[in-house]
């Protein structure tokens, strides 16, 4: 199925609520969102989570938060770890799949489906440029988790591919306009302090983000549930 607008996201959230209610109550409903750099994975996952919580509250007359969004950015290797690799290359290519703790990510995803478990997940501190370990508490009340990131749906690359059987749904985000997507990504690189100016940001996209995007696209699974055009 394909979705294009804000109203579509509302429809999608309502459907997720209905499907999640059919699941074994001892399990969580897991959704993976993948897409190339700058495609809007974080923004869309947060919007959908907000809509899921709203619709769950309306349907159950209960204001308990049942959905949460997690980013795989918390599994970036810290800069100190990159220093132990080929430091110049590792820092230059930070964001490539091999600059993440893929094994730790797979372990977390496999643990998420146990609804009874209270889990601590990492986040990413953009000011420091490093992960913050055990900074997100996933409460027992959480029933639906959206996990977004470049490499959540890597069919051909281990150990990332070991998560594919964990997801209840696989979503892919595709930019409507490649130029607008590049400009949005360049602006984000400057705003987060990753690069000092737009020209440097565009160069980073050329030598790094575009290579990562190619890896993401080549590893998309043969089958998925949702395409969101953003």
Protein backbone atom coordinates (compact mmCIF):
# COMPACT_ATOMS: atom_id res chain seq x y z
CA UNK A 1 0.00 0.00 0.00
CA UNK A 2 1.17 3.54 -0.73
CA UNK A 3 0.55 6.72 1.27
CA UNK A 4 1.19 10.33 0.31
CA UNK A 5 -0.35 12.85 2.72
CA UNK A 6 -0.97 13.78 6.35
CA UNK A 7 -4.50 12.36 6.08
CA UNK A 8 -2.99 9.11 4.84
CA UNK A 9 -0.89 8.89 8.01
CA UNK A 10 -4.05 9.19 10.10
CA UNK A 11 -5.61 6.32 8.15
CA UNK A 12 -2.42 4.31 8.57
CA UNK A 13 -2.33 4.90 12.33
CA UNK A 14 -5.95 3.79 12.73
CA UNK A 15 -5.17 0.58 10.85
CA UNK A 16 -2.10 -0.12 12.99
CA UNK A 17 -4.18 0.26 16.16
CA UNK A 18 -6.72 -2.27 14.87
CA UNK A 19 -4.03 -4.77 13.85
CA UNK A 20 -2.08 -4.39 17.09
CA UNK A 21 -5.18 -5.17 19.13
CA UNK A 22 -5.40 -8.55 17.39
CA UNK A 23 -1.88 -9.49 18.47
CA UNK A 24 -1.12 -11.76 21.40
CA UNK A 25 -1.34 -9.36 24.39
CA UNK A 26 1.97 -10.71 25.67
CA UNK A 27 3.75 -9.44 22.57
CA UNK A 28 4.57 -6.01 21.19
CA UNK A 29 3.74 -4.86 17.66
CA UNK A 30 6.99 -3.90 15.90
CA UNK A 31 7.24 -1.68 12.82
CA UNK A 32 10.48 -0.94 10.96
CA UNK A 33 10.84 2.24 8.92
CA UNK A 34 13.74 2.52 6.47
CA UNK A 35 14.72 5.06 3.85
CA UNK A 36 17.66 6.96 2.44
CA UNK A 37 19.33 9.80 4.40
CA UNK A 38 17.08 12.84 4.73
CA UNK A 39 13.89 11.08 3.64
CA UNK A 40 12.01 11.98 6.82
CA UNK A 41 12.12 8.75 8.79
CA UNK A 42 12.24 10.42 12.20
CA UNK A 43 9.58 13.02 11.44
CA UNK A 44 7.14 10.49 10.00
CA UNK A 45 7.68 7.90 12.74
CA UNK A 46 7.04 10.54 15.42
CA UNK A 47 3.88 11.74 13.64
CA UNK A 48 2.54 8.21 13.30
CA UNK A 49 3.28 7.44 16.97
CA UNK A 50 1.40 10.56 18.00
CA UNK A 51 -1.58 9.52 15.86
CA UNK A 52 -1.48 5.93 17.16
CA UNK A 53 -1.56 7.13 20.77
CA UNK A 54 -4.44 9.49 19.98
CA UNK A 55 -6.51 6.82 18.25
CA UNK A 56 -5.76 4.20 20.89
CA UNK A 57 -6.87 6.65 23.58
CA UNK A 58 -10.11 7.39 21.73
CA UNK A 59 -10.89 3.71 21.12
CA UNK A 60 -10.10 2.59 24.66
CA UNK A 61 -11.02 5.74 26.61
CA UNK A 62 -7.56 5.45 28.13
CA UNK A 63 -4.81 8.09 27.99
CA UNK A 64 -1.99 5.62 28.63
CA UNK A 65 0.82 5.97 26.07
CA UNK A 66 0.97 2.71 24.12
CA UNK A 67 3.28 3.61 21.21
CA UNK A 68 6.84 4.89 21.06
CA UNK A 69 9.34 5.70 18.32
CA UNK A 70 12.97 4.57 18.55
CA UNK A 71 15.87 5.60 16.34
CA UNK A 72 18.75 3.30 15.51
CA UNK A 73 21.02 6.38 15.86
CA UNK A 74 21.61 5.34 19.47
CA UNK A 75 23.68 2.47 18.07
CA UNK A 76 26.29 4.71 16.44
CA UNK A 77 29.71 3.62 17.60
CA UNK A 78 31.08 6.42 19.86
CA UNK A 79 33.82 8.59 18.42
CA UNK A 80 36.32 6.99 20.80
CA UNK A 81 35.59 3.61 19.19
CA UNK A 82 35.98 5.04 15.69
CA UNK A 83 39.40 6.29 16.76
CA UNK A 84 40.45 2.65 17.22
CA UNK A 85 39.44 1.81 13.66
CA UNK A 86 40.93 3.47 10.58
CA UNK A 87 40.18 6.79 12.29
CA UNK A 88 40.33 9.09 9.27
CA UNK A 89 38.12 6.84 7.15
CA UNK A 90 35.76 5.91 10.02
CA UNK A 91 35.03 9.53 10.95
CA UNK A 92 34.73 10.54 7.30
CA UNK A 93 32.26 7.72 6.64
CA UNK A 94 30.37 7.91 9.93
CA UNK A 95 26.81 6.87 9.16
CA UNK A 96 27.86 3.92 6.99
CA UNK A 97 26.41 0.63 8.24
CA UNK A 98 29.80 -0.55 9.55
CA UNK A 99 30.06 2.50 11.86
CA UNK A 100 27.09 1.22 13.91
CA UNK A 101 26.88 -1.44 16.60
CA UNK A 102 24.78 -3.72 14.42
CA UNK A 103 25.07 -6.66 16.84
CA UNK A 104 23.74 -4.54 19.70
CA UNK A 105 20.90 -3.27 17.50
CA UNK A 106 19.87 -6.80 16.51
CA UNK A 107 19.93 -7.89 20.16
CA UNK A 108 17.65 -5.00 21.18
CA UNK A 109 15.14 -5.60 18.37
CA UNK A 110 14.86 -9.27 19.31
CA UNK A 111 14.16 -8.30 22.93
CA UNK A 112 11.48 -5.74 22.08
CA UNK A 113 8.72 -8.20 21.21
CA UNK A 114 8.42 -9.35 24.84
CA UNK A 115 5.70 -7.01 26.09
CA UNK A 116 6.33 -7.89 29.73
CA UNK A 117 9.93 -6.75 29.65
CA UNK A 118 10.90 -3.22 30.67
CA UNK A 119 13.80 -2.28 28.40
CA UNK A 120 16.38 0.50 28.35
CA UNK A 121 17.40 1.69 24.89
CA UNK A 122 20.11 4.15 23.78
CA UNK A 123 19.55 7.57 22.23
CA UNK A 124 21.93 9.88 20.35
CA UNK A 125 23.17 13.19 21.74
CA UNK A 126 23.67 15.42 18.68
CA UNK A 127 25.41 18.08 20.77
CA UNK A 128 28.09 15.60 21.86
CA UNK A 129 27.95 13.54 18.68
CA UNK A 130 27.81 10.32 20.67
CA UNK A 131 25.22 7.80 21.90
CA UNK A 132 23.64 8.07 25.35
CA UNK A 133 23.32 4.55 26.69
CA UNK A 134 20.24 3.33 28.61
CA UNK A 135 18.59 6.75 28.22
CA UNK A 136 15.17 5.65 26.91
CA UNK A 137 12.89 3.64 29.17
CA UNK A 138 10.45 1.40 27.29
CA UNK A 139 7.72 0.77 29.83
CA UNK A 140 5.72 -2.43 30.11
CA UNK A 141 2.65 -0.49 28.94
CA UNK A 142 4.17 0.11 25.50
CA UNK A 143 2.42 -2.11 22.95
CA UNK A 144 3.55 -0.63 19.62
CA UNK A 145 7.13 0.34 18.74
CA UNK A 146 8.26 2.03 15.53
CA UNK A 147 12.00 1.63 14.94
CA UNK A 148 13.37 3.97 12.30
CA UNK A 149 16.77 4.20 10.70
CA UNK A 150 18.81 3.71 7.56
CA UNK A 151 19.58 0.05 8.18
CA UNK A 152 16.46 -1.36 9.83
CA UNK A 153 15.59 -3.33 6.68
CA UNK A 154 18.87 -4.73 5.33
CA UNK A 155 18.05 -7.99 3.58
CA UNK A 156 21.50 -8.83 2.20
CA UNK A 157 23.86 -7.63 4.95
CA UNK A 158 24.51 -9.44 8.23
CA UNK A 159 23.98 -9.06 11.08
CA UNK A 160 21.34 -6.45 10.14
CA UNK A 161 19.35 -9.02 8.17
CA UNK A 162 18.72 -11.02 11.37
CA UNK A 163 16.01 -8.51 12.37
CA UNK A 164 13.83 -9.10 9.32
CA UNK A 165 11.73 -11.82 10.93
CA UNK A 166 11.14 -9.68 14.03
CA UNK A 167 8.98 -7.04 12.35
CA UNK A 168 5.20 -7.16 12.20
CA UNK A 169 5.37 -4.56 9.43
CA UNK A 170 8.07 -3.20 7.13
CA UNK A 171 7.67 0.38 5.88
CA UNK A 172 9.82 2.25 3.35
CA UNK A 173 9.92 6.01 2.84
CA UNK A 174 10.65 7.33 -0.64
CA UNK A 175 11.35 11.03 -1.32
CA UNK A 176 9.02 12.68 -3.82
CA UNK A 177 11.77 15.07 -4.93
CA UNK A 178 15.44 14.06 -4.84
CA UNK A 179 16.74 17.65 -5.05
CA UNK A 180 14.52 18.79 -2.18
CA UNK A 181 15.67 15.77 -0.18
CA UNK A 182 19.34 16.67 -0.75
CA UNK A 183 18.74 20.29 0.27
CA UNK A 184 16.88 19.18 3.41
CA UNK A 185 19.71 16.83 4.37
CA UNK A 186 22.39 19.48 3.76
CA UNK A 187 20.51 21.95 5.94
CA UNK A 188 20.24 19.36 8.70
CA UNK A 189 24.00 18.71 8.58
CA UNK A 190 24.62 22.42 9.18
CA UNK A 191 21.96 22.81 11.88
CA UNK A 192 23.29 19.85 13.87
CA UNK A 193 26.88 21.11 13.60
CA UNK A 194 28.05 18.18 11.53
CA UNK A 195 29.29 20.62 8.88
CA UNK A 196 30.04 24.35 9.04
CA UNK A 197 28.29 25.44 5.84
CA UNK A 198 26.06 24.23 3.02
CA UNK A 199 28.94 23.62 0.60
CA UNK A 200 30.70 21.33 3.09
CA UNK A 201 27.39 19.62 3.78
CA UNK A 202 26.82 18.98 0.08
CA UNK A 203 30.32 17.50 -0.20
CA UNK A 204 29.58 15.21 2.74
CA UNK A 205 26.41 14.07 0.99
CA UNK A 206 28.41 13.34 -2.18
CA UNK A 207 31.13 11.25 -0.53
CA UNK A 208 29.15 9.65 2.28
CA UNK A 209 25.36 9.95 2.35
CA UNK A 210 24.94 9.08 -1.32
CA UNK A 211 27.03 5.92 -0.80
CA UNK A 212 24.92 4.99 2.24
CA UNK A 213 21.75 5.62 0.26
CA UNK A 214 22.94 3.18 -2.40
CA UNK A 215 23.54 0.52 0.30
CA UNK A 216 20.06 1.11 1.75
CA UNK A 217 18.30 0.81 -1.62
CA UNK A 218 20.26 -2.29 -2.66
CA UNK A 219 19.33 -3.97 0.63
CA UNK A 220 15.61 -3.19 0.61
CA UNK A 221 13.67 -6.42 1.21
CA UNK A 222 11.88 -8.00 -1.73
CA UNK A 223 8.56 -7.56 0.06
CA UNK A 224 7.34 -4.84 2.39
CA UNK A 225 4.00 -3.59 3.65
CA UNK A 226 3.94 0.17 3.18
CA UNK A 227 5.52 2.82 0.95
CA UNK A 228 5.26 6.40 2.20
CA UNK A 229 6.04 9.13 -0.31
CA UNK A 230 7.44 12.15 1.51
